[in-house]
PDB file of N, CA and C in Angstrom:
ATOM      1  N   MET A   1      48.722  58.801 -37.553  1.00  0.00           N
ATOM      2  CA  MET A   1      49.355  58.338 -36.094  1.00  0.00           C
ATOM      3  C   MET A   1      47.980  59.418 -35.499  1.00  0.00           C
ATOM      4  N   SER A   2      47.626  60.461 -35.850  1.00  0.00           N
ATOM      5  CA  SER A   2      46.421  61.219 -35.815  1.00  0.00           C
ATOM      6  C   SER A   2      44.874  60.899 -35.243  1.00  0.00           C
ATOM      7  N   GLU A   3      45.083  59.977 -36.591  1.00  0.00           N
ATOM      8  CA  GLU A   3      43.300  59.393 -36.881  1.00  0.00           C
ATOM      9  C   GLU A   3      43.111  58.511 -35.672  1.00  0.00           C
ATOM     10  N   HIS A   4      44.098  57.776 -34.993  1.00  0.00           N
ATOM     11  CA  HIS A   4      44.327  56.882 -34.085  1.00  0.00           C
ATOM     12  C   HIS A   4      43.428  56.970 -32.553  1.00  0.00           C
ATOM     13  N   GLN A   5      44.449  58.459 -32.251  1.00  0.00           N
ATOM     14  CA  GLN A   5      45.213  59.226 -31.144  1.00  0.00           C
ATOM     15  C   GLN A   5      43.011  59.250 -30.422  1.00  0.00           C
ATOM     16  N   PRO A   6      42.525  60.084 -31.664  1.00  0.00           N
ATOM     17  CA  PRO A   6      41.242  60.105 -30.376  1.00  0.00           C
ATOM     18  C   PRO A   6      40.243  58.978 -30.308  1.00  0.00           C
ATOM     19  N   ASN A   7      40.137  57.692 -30.954  1.00  0.00           N
ATOM     20  CA  ASN A   7      39.464  57.124 -30.903  1.00  0.00           C
ATOM     21  C   ASN A   7      40.439  56.443 -29.448  1.00  0.00           C
ATOM     22  N   PHE A   8      41.355  56.351 -29.188  1.00  0.00           N
ATOM     23  CA  PHE A   8      42.478  55.441 -28.264  1.00  0.00           C
ATOM     24  C   PHE A   8      42.060  56.635 -26.999  1.00  0.00           C
ATOM     25  N   LEU A   9      41.764  58.036 -26.819  1.00  0.00           N
ATOM     26  CA  LEU A   9      41.588  59.040 -26.189  1.00  0.00           C
ATOM     27  C   LEU A   9      39.618  58.579 -25.346  1.00  0.00           C
ATOM     28  N   ILE A  10      39.120  58.416 -26.374  1.00  0.00           N
ATOM     29  CA  ILE A  10      37.677  57.781 -26.101  1.00  0.00           C
ATOM     30  C   ILE A  10      37.226  56.730 -25.634  1.00  0.00           C
ATOM     31  N   ARG A  11      38.159  56.025 -25.275  1.00  0.00           N
ATOM     32  CA  ARG A  11      38.307  54.725 -24.887  1.00  0.00           C
ATOM     33  C   ARG A  11      38.464  54.539 -23.711  1.00  0.00           C
ATOM     34  N   LEU A  12      40.117  55.320 -23.472  1.00  0.00           N
ATOM     35  CA  LEU A  12      40.412  55.387 -22.044  1.00  0.00           C
ATOM     36  C   LEU A  12      39.763  55.890 -21.523  1.00  0.00           C
ATOM     37  N   TRP A  13      38.857  57.499 -21.918  1.00  0.00           N
ATOM     38  CA  TRP A  13      38.468  57.855 -21.114  1.00  0.00           C
ATOM     39  C   TRP A  13      36.594  57.099 -20.562  1.00  0.00           C
ATOM     40  N   ARG A  14      35.717  56.113 -21.250  1.00  0.00           N
ATOM     41  CA  ARG A  14      35.276  55.527 -21.307  1.00  0.00           C
ATOM     42  C   ARG A  14      35.772  54.669 -20.227  1.00  0.00           C
ATOM     43  N   SER A  15      36.532  53.996 -20.430  1.00  0.00           N
ATOM     44  CA  SER A  15      36.981  53.083 -19.267  1.00  0.00           C
ATOM     45  C   SER A  15      38.038  53.344 -17.706  1.00  0.00           C
ATOM     46  N   LEU A  16      37.960  55.129 -18.319  1.00  0.00           N
ATOM     47  CA  LEU A  16      38.632  55.531 -17.033  1.00  0.00           C
ATOM     48  C   LEU A  16      36.884  55.900 -15.870  1.00  0.00           C
ATOM     49  N   ARG A  17      35.617  56.597 -17.051  1.00  0.00           N
ATOM     50  CA  ARG A  17      34.833  56.420 -16.310  1.00  0.00           C
ATOM     51  C   ARG A  17      34.310  55.035 -15.516  1.00  0.00           C
ATOM     52  N   ALA A  18      33.976  54.148 -16.698  1.00  0.00           N
ATOM     53  CA  ALA A  18      33.364  53.103 -15.793  1.00  0.00           C
ATOM     54  C   ALA A  18      34.179  52.272 -14.514  1.00  0.00           C
ATOM     55  N   PHE A  19      35.655  52.441 -14.772  1.00  0.00           N
ATOM     56  CA  PHE A  19      36.262  51.728 -13.734  1.00  0.00           C
ATOM     57  C   PHE A  19      36.254  53.184 -12.167  1.00  0.00           C
ATOM     58  N   LEU A  20      35.276  54.141 -12.499  1.00  0.00           N
ATOM     59  CA  LEU A  20      35.268  55.406 -11.161  1.00  0.00           C
ATOM     60  C   LEU A  20      33.872  54.919 -10.786  1.00  0.00           C
ATOM     61  N   ARG A  21      32.931  54.781 -11.864  1.00  0.00           N
ATOM     62  CA  ARG A  21      31.610  54.006 -11.442  1.00  0.00           C
ATOM     63  C   ARG A  21      31.726  52.523 -10.656  1.00  0.00           C
ATOM     64  N   GLY A  22      32.402  51.660 -11.198  1.00  0.00           N
ATOM     65  CA  GLY A  22      32.093  50.798 -10.369  1.00  0.00           C
ATOM     66  C   GLY A  22      33.191  51.134  -8.803  1.00  0.00           C
ATOM     67  N   ILE A  23      33.503  51.739  -8.769  1.00  0.00           N
ATOM     68  CA  ILE A  23      34.674  52.116  -7.155  1.00  0.00           C
ATOM     69  C   ILE A  23      33.289  52.580  -6.238  1.00  0.00           C
ATOM     70  N   ASP A  24      32.473  54.085  -7.438  1.00  0.00           N
ATOM     71  CA  ASP A  24      31.744  54.899  -6.683  1.00  0.00           C
ATOM     72  C   ASP A  24      30.033  53.689  -6.080  1.00  0.00           C
ATOM     73  N   GLN A  25      29.589  52.586  -6.751  1.00  0.00           N
ATOM     74  CA  GLN A  25      29.057  51.757  -6.442  1.00  0.00           C
ATOM     75  C   GLN A  25      29.052  50.697  -5.332  1.00  0.00           C
ATOM     76  N   ALA A  26      30.668  50.504  -5.043  1.00  0.00           N
ATOM     77  CA  ALA A  26      31.048  49.490  -4.766  1.00  0.00           C
ATOM     78  C   ALA A  26      30.992  50.421  -2.740  1.00  0.00           C
ATOM     79  N   GLN A  27      31.730  51.412  -3.132  1.00  0.00           N
ATOM     80  CA  GLN A  27      31.363  52.513  -1.700  1.00  0.00           C
ATOM     81  C   GLN A  27      29.969  52.916  -1.269  1.00  0.00           C
ATOM     82  N   ARG A  28      29.359  52.919  -2.209  1.00  0.00           N
ATOM     83  CA  ARG A  28      27.809  53.420  -1.751  1.00  0.00           C
ATOM     84  C   ARG A  28      27.183  51.980  -1.077  1.00  0.00           C
ATOM     85  N   GLU A  29      27.404  50.662  -1.784  1.00  0.00           N
ATOM     86  CA  GLU A  29      26.648  49.559  -0.828  1.00  0.00           C
ATOM     87  C   GLU A  29      27.189  49.215   0.075  1.00  0.00           C
ATOM     88  N   ARG A  30      28.788  49.342   0.525  1.00  0.00           N
ATOM     89  CA  ARG A  30      29.828  49.768   1.778  1.00  0.00           C
ATOM     90  C   ARG A  30      28.618  50.440   2.665  1.00  0.00           C
ATOM     91  N   VAL A  31      28.747  51.602   2.406  1.00  0.00           N
ATOM     92  CA  VAL A  31      27.900  52.586   3.049  1.00  0.00           C
ATOM     93  C   VAL A  31      26.741  52.258   3.852  1.00  0.00           C
ATOM     94  N   VAL A  32      25.890  51.572   3.342  1.00  0.00           N
ATOM     95  CA  VAL A  32      25.166  51.130   3.456  1.00  0.00           C
ATOM     96  C   VAL A  32      24.679  50.093   4.120  1.00  0.00           C
ATOM     97  N   ALA A  33      25.540  49.392   4.340  1.00  0.00           N
ATOM     98  CA  ALA A  33      25.876  47.962   4.923  1.00  0.00           C
ATOM     99  C   ALA A  33      25.820  48.329   6.153  1.00  0.00           C
ATOM    100  N   LEU A  34      27.103  49.551   6.499  1.00  0.00           N
ATOM    101  CA  LEU A  34      26.856  49.903   7.711  1.00  0.00           C
ATOM    102  C   LEU A  34      26.228  50.803   8.055  1.00  0.00           C
ATOM    103  N   THR A  35      24.880  51.455   7.429  1.00  0.00           N
ATOM    104  CA  THR A  35      24.765  52.529   8.179  1.00  0.00           C
ATOM    105  C   THR A  35      23.294  51.030   9.119  1.00  0.00           C
ATOM    106  N   ALA A  36      23.077  50.256   8.038  1.00  0.00           N
ATOM    107  CA  ALA A  36      22.021  49.265   8.186  1.00  0.00           C
ATOM    108  C   ALA A  36      22.226  48.494   9.396  1.00  0.00           C
ATOM    109  N   TYR A  37      23.834  47.785   9.496  1.00  0.00           N
ATOM    110  CA  TYR A  37      23.993  47.676  10.978  1.00  0.00           C
ATOM    111  C   TYR A  37      23.647  48.460  11.983  1.00  0.00           C
ATOM    112  N   GLU A  38      24.416  49.957  11.529  1.00  0.00           N
ATOM    113  CA  GLU A  38      24.515  50.992  13.331  1.00  0.00           C
ATOM    114  C   GLU A  38      22.558  51.367  13.044  1.00  0.00           C
ATOM    115  N   ALA A  39      21.796  50.806  12.463  1.00  0.00           N
ATOM    116  CA  ALA A  39      20.491  51.074  12.665  1.00  0.00           C
ATOM    117  C   ALA A  39      20.215  49.790  13.982  1.00  0.00           C
ATOM    118  N   ARG A  40      20.368  48.819  13.189  1.00  0.00           N
ATOM    119  CA  ARG A  40      20.225  47.373  13.652  1.00  0.00           C
ATOM    120  C   ARG A  40      20.808  47.727  15.363  1.00  0.00           C
ATOM    121  N   GLU A  41      21.558  47.846  15.330  1.00  0.00           N
ATOM    122  CA  GLU A  41      22.890  48.117  16.625  1.00  0.00           C
ATOM    123  C   GLU A  41      21.781  48.667  17.862  1.00  0.00           C
ATOM    124  N   LEU A  42      21.573  50.695  17.120  1.00  0.00           N
ATOM    125  CA  LEU A  42      20.890  51.054  17.894  1.00  0.00           C
ATOM    126  C   LEU A  42      19.912  50.916  18.298  1.00  0.00           C
ATOM    127  N   GLU A  43      18.588  50.197  17.657  1.00  0.00           N
ATOM    128  CA  GLU A  43      17.603  49.715  17.957  1.00  0.00           C
ATOM    129  C   GLU A  43      17.534  48.429  19.021  1.00  0.00           C
ATOM    130  N   ASN A  44      18.812  47.759  19.329  1.00  0.00           N
ATOM    131  CA  ASN A  44      19.119  46.867  20.270  1.00  0.00           C
ATOM    132  C   ASN A  44      19.609  47.841  21.125  1.00  0.00           C
ATOM    133  N   MET A  45      20.544  48.563  21.281  1.00  0.00           N
ATOM    134  CA  MET A  45      20.389  49.485  22.926  1.00  0.00           C
ATOM    135  C   MET A  45      19.268  49.736  23.083  1.00  0.00           C
ATOM    136  N   PHE A  46      18.082  50.699  22.111  1.00  0.00           N
ATOM    137  CA  PHE A  46      17.243  51.080  22.465  1.00  0.00           C
ATOM    138  C   PHE A  46      16.365  50.342  23.279  1.00  0.00           C
ATOM    139  N   VAL A  47      16.115  49.014  22.781  1.00  0.00           N
ATOM    140  CA  VAL A  47      15.330  48.147  23.768  1.00  0.00           C
ATOM    141  C   VAL A  47      16.070  47.686  25.467  1.00  0.00           C
ATOM    142  N   LEU A  48      17.702  47.561  24.758  1.00  0.00           N
ATOM    143  CA  LEU A  48      18.034  46.709  26.661  1.00  0.00           C
ATOM    144  C   LEU A  48      17.906  48.157  27.176  1.00  0.00           C
ATOM    145  N   MET A  49      18.287  49.364  27.100  1.00  0.00           N
ATOM    146  CA  MET A  49      17.447  50.983  28.089  1.00  0.00           C
ATOM    147  C   MET A  49      16.316  50.519  28.169  1.00  0.00           C
ATOM    148  N   LEU A  50      15.101  50.640  27.362  1.00  0.00           N
ATOM    149  CA  LEU A  50      13.835  50.626  27.776  1.00  0.00           C
ATOM    150  C   LEU A  50      13.734  49.255  28.750  1.00  0.00           C
ATOM    151  N   LEU A  51      13.763  48.258  28.306  1.00  0.00           N
ATOM    152  CA  LEU A  51      13.472  46.702  28.729  1.00  0.00           C
ATOM    153  C   LEU A  51      14.727  46.233  29.636  1.00  0.00           C
ATOM    154  N   GLY A  52      15.698  46.987  30.730  1.00  0.00           N
ATOM    155  CA  GLY A  52      17.209  46.772  30.489  1.00  0.00           C
ATOM    156  C   GLY A  52      16.841  46.275  32.092  1.00  0.00           C
ATOM    157  N   SER A  53      15.491  45.939  32.523  1.00  0.00           N
ATOM    158  CA  SER A  53      15.790  45.828  34.132  1.00  0.00           C
ATOM    159  C   SER A  53      15.528  43.817  34.259  1.00  0.00           C
ATOM    160  N   PHE A  54      15.390  43.494  32.968  1.00  0.00           N
ATOM    161  CA  PHE A  54      15.242  42.069  32.716  1.00  0.00           C
ATOM    162  C   PHE A  54      16.591  41.473  32.421  1.00  0.00           C
ATOM    163  N   ALA A  55      17.830  42.271  32.005  1.00  0.00           N
ATOM    164  CA  ALA A  55      19.097  41.791  32.288  1.00  0.00           C
ATOM    165  C   ALA A  55      19.782  42.488  33.208  1.00  0.00           C
ATOM    166  N   GLY A  56      19.380  42.921  34.793  1.00  0.00           N
ATOM    167  CA  GLY A  56      19.889  43.511  35.656  1.00  0.00           C
ATOM    168  C   GLY A  56      20.638  45.037  35.348  1.00  0.00           C
ATOM    169  N   MET A  57      20.255  46.062  34.930  1.00  0.00           N
ATOM    170  CA  MET A  57      20.212  47.106  34.460  1.00  0.00           C
ATOM    171  C   MET A  57      18.944  48.231  35.124  1.00  0.00           C
ATOM    172  N   PRO A  58      19.796  49.020  35.415  1.00  0.00           N
ATOM    173  CA  PRO A  58      18.029  50.125  35.842  1.00  0.00           C
ATOM    174  C   PRO A  58      17.424  50.402  34.773  1.00  0.00           C
ATOM    175  N   SER A  59      16.390  51.004  34.418  1.00  0.00           N
ATOM    176  CA  SER A  59      15.360  50.604  33.992  1.00  0.00           C
ATOM    177  C   SER A  59      14.955  52.063  34.211  1.00  0.00           C
ATOM    178  N   PRO A  60      14.805  52.827  32.969  1.00  0.00           N
ATOM    179  CA  PRO A  60      13.653  54.358  32.995  1.00  0.00           C
ATOM    180  C   PRO A  60      12.020  54.256  34.066  1.00  0.00           C
ATOM    181  N   PRO A  61      11.971  55.133  33.823  1.00  0.00           N
ATOM    182  CA  PRO A  61      10.422  55.091  35.096  1.00  0.00           C
ATOM    183  C   PRO A  61       9.358  54.461  33.499  1.00  0.00           C
ATOM    184  N   SER A  62       8.390  53.827  34.942  1.00  0.00           N
ATOM    185  CA  SER A  62       7.820  52.881  33.912  1.00  0.00           C
ATOM    186  C   SER A  62       6.771  53.495  33.050  1.00  0.00           C
ATOM    187  N   PHE A  63       6.495  54.524  34.071  1.00  0.00           N
ATOM    188  CA  PHE A  63       5.359  55.305  32.553  1.00  0.00           C
ATOM    189  C   PHE A  63       5.970  55.482  31.121  1.00  0.00           C
ATOM    190  N   LEU A  64       7.483  56.508  31.563  1.00  0.00           N
ATOM    191  CA  LEU A  64       7.681  56.207  30.415  1.00  0.00           C
ATOM    192  C   LEU A  64       7.777  55.171  29.245  1.00  0.00           C
ATOM    193  N   ALA A  65       8.193  54.168  30.131  1.00  0.00           N
ATOM    194  CA  ALA A  65       8.618  52.379  28.851  1.00  0.00           C
ATOM    195  C   ALA A  65       7.553  52.243  28.469  1.00  0.00           C
ATOM    196  N   VAL A  66       6.276  52.554  29.097  1.00  0.00           N
ATOM    197  CA  VAL A  66       5.007  51.800  28.689  1.00  0.00           C
ATOM    198  C   VAL A  66       4.291  52.619  27.928  1.00  0.00           C
ATOM    199  N   GLU A  67       4.923  53.876  28.020  1.00  0.00           N
ATOM    200  CA  GLU A  67       4.392  54.799  26.634  1.00  0.00           C
ATOM    201  C   GLU A  67       5.103  54.495  25.272  1.00  0.00           C
ATOM    202  N   LEU A  68       6.501  53.618  25.621  1.00  0.00           N
ATOM    203  CA  LEU A  68       7.289  53.897  24.661  1.00  0.00           C
ATOM    204  C   LEU A  68       6.466  52.385  23.779  1.00  0.00           C
ATOM    205  N   LEU A  69       6.694  51.186  24.505  1.00  0.00           N
ATOM    206  CA  LEU A  69       6.082  50.278  24.066  1.00  0.00           C
ATOM    207  C   LEU A  69       5.285  49.775  22.897  1.00  0.00           C
ATOM    208  N   PRO A  70       4.285  50.632  22.683  1.00  0.00           N
ATOM    209  CA  PRO A  70       3.769  50.452  21.098  1.00  0.00           C
ATOM    210  C   PRO A  70       4.629  50.969  20.407  1.00  0.00           C
ATOM    211  N   HIS A  71       5.692  51.354  20.037  1.00  0.00           N
ATOM    212  CA  HIS A  71       6.551  52.025  19.111  1.00  0.00           C
ATOM    213  C   HIS A  71       7.840  50.588  18.976  1.00  0.00           C
ATOM    214  N   LEU A  72       7.692  49.498  20.004  1.00  0.00           N
ATOM    215  CA  LEU A  72       8.650  48.413  20.385  1.00  0.00           C
ATOM    216  C   LEU A  72       8.767  47.326  19.700  1.00  0.00           C
ATOM    217  N   GLU A  73       6.956  47.250  18.872  1.00  0.00           N
ATOM    218  CA  GLU A  73       6.714  45.888  18.763  1.00  0.00           C
ATOM    219  C   GLU A  73       7.353  44.970  18.005  1.00  0.00           C
ATOM    220  N   HIS A  74       8.815  45.716  16.743  1.00  0.00           N
ATOM    221  CA  HIS A  74       8.899  44.971  16.060  1.00  0.00           C
ATOM    222  C   HIS A  74      10.737  44.461  16.874  1.00  0.00           C
ATOM    223  N   GLU A  75      11.074  45.235  17.852  1.00  0.00           N
ATOM    224  CA  GLU A  75      12.140  44.710  19.091  1.00  0.00           C
ATOM    225  C   GLU A  75      11.926  44.329  19.776  1.00  0.00           C
ATOM    226  N   ILE A  76      10.685  44.095  19.852  1.00  0.00           N
ATOM    227  CA  ILE A  76      10.133  43.217  21.002  1.00  0.00           C
ATOM    228  C   ILE A  76      10.311  41.733  20.627  1.00  0.00           C
ATOM    229  N   ARG A  77       9.624  41.748  19.168  1.00  0.00           N
ATOM    230  CA  ARG A  77       9.278  40.181  18.963  1.00  0.00           C
ATOM    231  C   ARG A  77      11.202  39.925  18.097  1.00  0.00           C
ATOM    232  N   VAL A  78      11.750  40.541  17.825  1.00  0.00           N
ATOM    233  CA  VAL A  78      13.211  40.466  17.615  1.00  0.00           C
ATOM    234  C   VAL A  78      14.620  40.452  19.245  1.00  0.00           C
ATOM    235  N   LEU A  79      13.729  40.129  19.532  1.00  0.00           N
ATOM    236  CA  LEU A  79      14.336  40.275  21.368  1.00  0.00           C
ATOM    237  C   LEU A  79      13.810  38.736  21.817  1.00  0.00           C
ATOM    238  N   ASN A  80      12.394  38.539  21.452  1.00  0.00           N
ATOM    239  CA  ASN A  80      11.878  37.070  22.129  1.00  0.00           C
ATOM    240  C   ASN A  80      12.064  36.110  21.661  1.00  0.00           C
ATOM    241  N   ARG A  81      12.600  36.247  19.706  1.00  0.00           N
ATOM    242  CA  ARG A  81      13.307  35.316  18.902  1.00  0.00           C
ATOM    243  C   ARG A  81      14.766  34.609  19.716  1.00  0.00           C
ATOM    244  N   ARG A  82      15.182  35.800  20.309  1.00  0.00           N
ATOM    245  CA  ARG A  82      16.929  35.542  20.289  1.00  0.00           C
ATOM    246  C   ARG A  82      16.993  34.900  21.773  1.00  0.00           C
ATOM    247  N   ALA A  83      15.515  34.928  22.075  1.00  0.00           N
ATOM    248  CA  ALA A  83      15.878  34.604  23.862  1.00  0.00           C
ATOM    249  C   ALA A  83      15.698  32.737  23.661  1.00  0.00           C
ATOM    250  N   GLU A  84      14.829  32.935  22.301  1.00  0.00           N
ATOM    251  CA  GLU A  84      14.304  31.172  22.492  1.00  0.00           C
ATOM    252  C   GLU A  84      15.106  30.448  21.761  1.00  0.00           C
ATOM    253  N   SER A  85      16.056  31.047  20.708  1.00  0.00           N
ATOM    254  CA  SER A  85      16.897  30.508  20.160  1.00  0.00           C
ATOM    255  C   SER A  85      18.383  30.345  20.900  1.00  0.00           C
ATOM    256  N   SER A  86      18.377  31.336  21.440  1.00  0.00           N
ATOM    257  CA  SER A  86      19.903  31.544  22.907  1.00  0.00           C
ATOM    258  C   SER A  86      19.932  29.983  23.677  1.00  0.00           C
ATOM    259  N   THR A  87      21.113  29.705  24.232  1.00  0.00           N
ATOM    260  CA  THR A  87      22.104  28.447  25.010  1.00  0.00           C
ATOM    261  C   THR A  87      21.531  29.727  26.620  1.00  0.00           C
ATOM    262  N   ASP A  88      21.297  29.019  27.213  1.00  0.00           N
ATOM    263  CA  ASP A  88      22.093  29.688  28.835  1.00  0.00           C
ATOM    264  C   ASP A  88      23.330  28.847  29.081  1.00  0.00           C
ATOM    265  N   ALA A  89      24.293  28.987  28.219  1.00  0.00           N
ATOM    266  CA  ALA A  89      25.723  28.185  28.559  1.00  0.00           C
ATOM    267  C   ALA A  89      25.614  28.024  30.333  1.00  0.00           C
ATOM    268  N   LEU A  90      25.435  29.062  31.214  1.00  0.00           N
ATOM    269  CA  LEU A  90      25.282  28.742  32.657  1.00  0.00           C
ATOM    270  C   LEU A  90      24.940  27.297  33.287  1.00  0.00           C
ATOM    271  N   ALA A  91      23.832  27.755  33.037  1.00  0.00           N
ATOM    272  CA  ALA A  91      22.668  26.477  33.619  1.00  0.00           C
ATOM    273  C   ALA A  91      23.382  25.147  33.158  1.00  0.00           C
ATOM    274  N   GLU A  92      23.725  25.106  32.183  1.00  0.00           N
ATOM    275  CA  GLU A  92      23.859  23.962  31.468  1.00  0.00           C
ATOM    276  C   GLU A  92      25.512  23.508  32.362  1.00  0.00           C
ATOM    277  N   ILE A  93      25.673  23.830  32.592  1.00  0.00           N
ATOM    278  CA  ILE A  93      26.852  23.823  33.618  1.00  0.00           C
ATOM    279  C   ILE A  93      26.758  22.910  34.638  1.00  0.00           C
ATOM    280  N   MET A  94      25.914  24.084  35.505  1.00  0.00           N
ATOM    281  CA  MET A  94      25.091  23.754  36.808  1.00  0.00           C
ATOM    282  C   MET A  94      24.866  22.733  37.027  1.00  0.00           C
ATOM    283  N   GLY A  95      23.628  22.437  35.642  1.00  0.00           N
ATOM    284  CA  GLY A  95      23.122  20.728  35.429  1.00  0.00           C
ATOM    285  C   GLY A  95      24.292  20.170  34.737  1.00  0.00           C
ATOM    286  N   THR A  96      25.194  19.924  33.813  1.00  0.00           N
ATOM    287  CA  THR A  96      26.365  19.428  34.431  1.00  0.00           C
ATOM    288  C   THR A  96      26.933  18.405  35.258  1.00  0.00           C
ATOM    289  N   ILE A  97      27.485  19.393  36.550  1.00  0.00           N
ATOM    290  CA  ILE A  97      27.714  19.055  37.438  1.00  0.00           C
ATOM    291  C   ILE A  97      27.145  19.119  38.898  1.00  0.00           C
ATOM    292  N   ASP A  98      25.317  19.557  38.831  1.00  0.00           N
ATOM    293  CA  ASP A  98      24.031  18.582  39.683  1.00  0.00           C
ATOM    294  C   ASP A  98      24.421  20.056  40.796  1.00  0.00           C
ATOM    295  N   ALA A  99      24.731  20.963  40.397  1.00  0.00           N
ATOM    296  CA  ALA A  99      24.249  21.553  41.219  1.00  0.00           C
ATOM    297  C   ALA A  99      23.086  22.482  41.382  1.00  0.00           C
ATOM    298  N   ASP A 100      22.208  22.686  42.705  1.00  0.00           N
ATOM    299  CA  ASP A 100      20.977  23.483  43.082  1.00  0.00           C
ATOM    300  C   ASP A 100      21.602  25.108  43.442  1.00  0.00           C
ATOM    301  N   ALA A 101      20.801  26.070  42.864  1.00  0.00           N
ATOM    302  CA  ALA A 101      20.949  27.011  43.371  1.00  0.00           C
ATOM    303  C   ALA A 101      19.984  27.601  44.185  1.00  0.00           C
TER     304      ALA A 101
END
């Protein structure tokens, strides 16, 4: 009986290690995904703060926004893509009831 016990303990230890590695890998992937999502949202908020005047929000002084524009090329492209692909629900409703502003 003592011959089989070390072999069993080694297999148990290896299985436990593999299980814990799987949990570790899953948690790391989850954290990376959450961090990437948070970075995208922070970029969106930053662009909205700089270009908020388009949405009716107060914007920073124009000289500050102009200095930061070269660093916002990617964000402006994303904002433009979103604007092109979005629909204006209010305009569609007003068009349906034939209301002119």
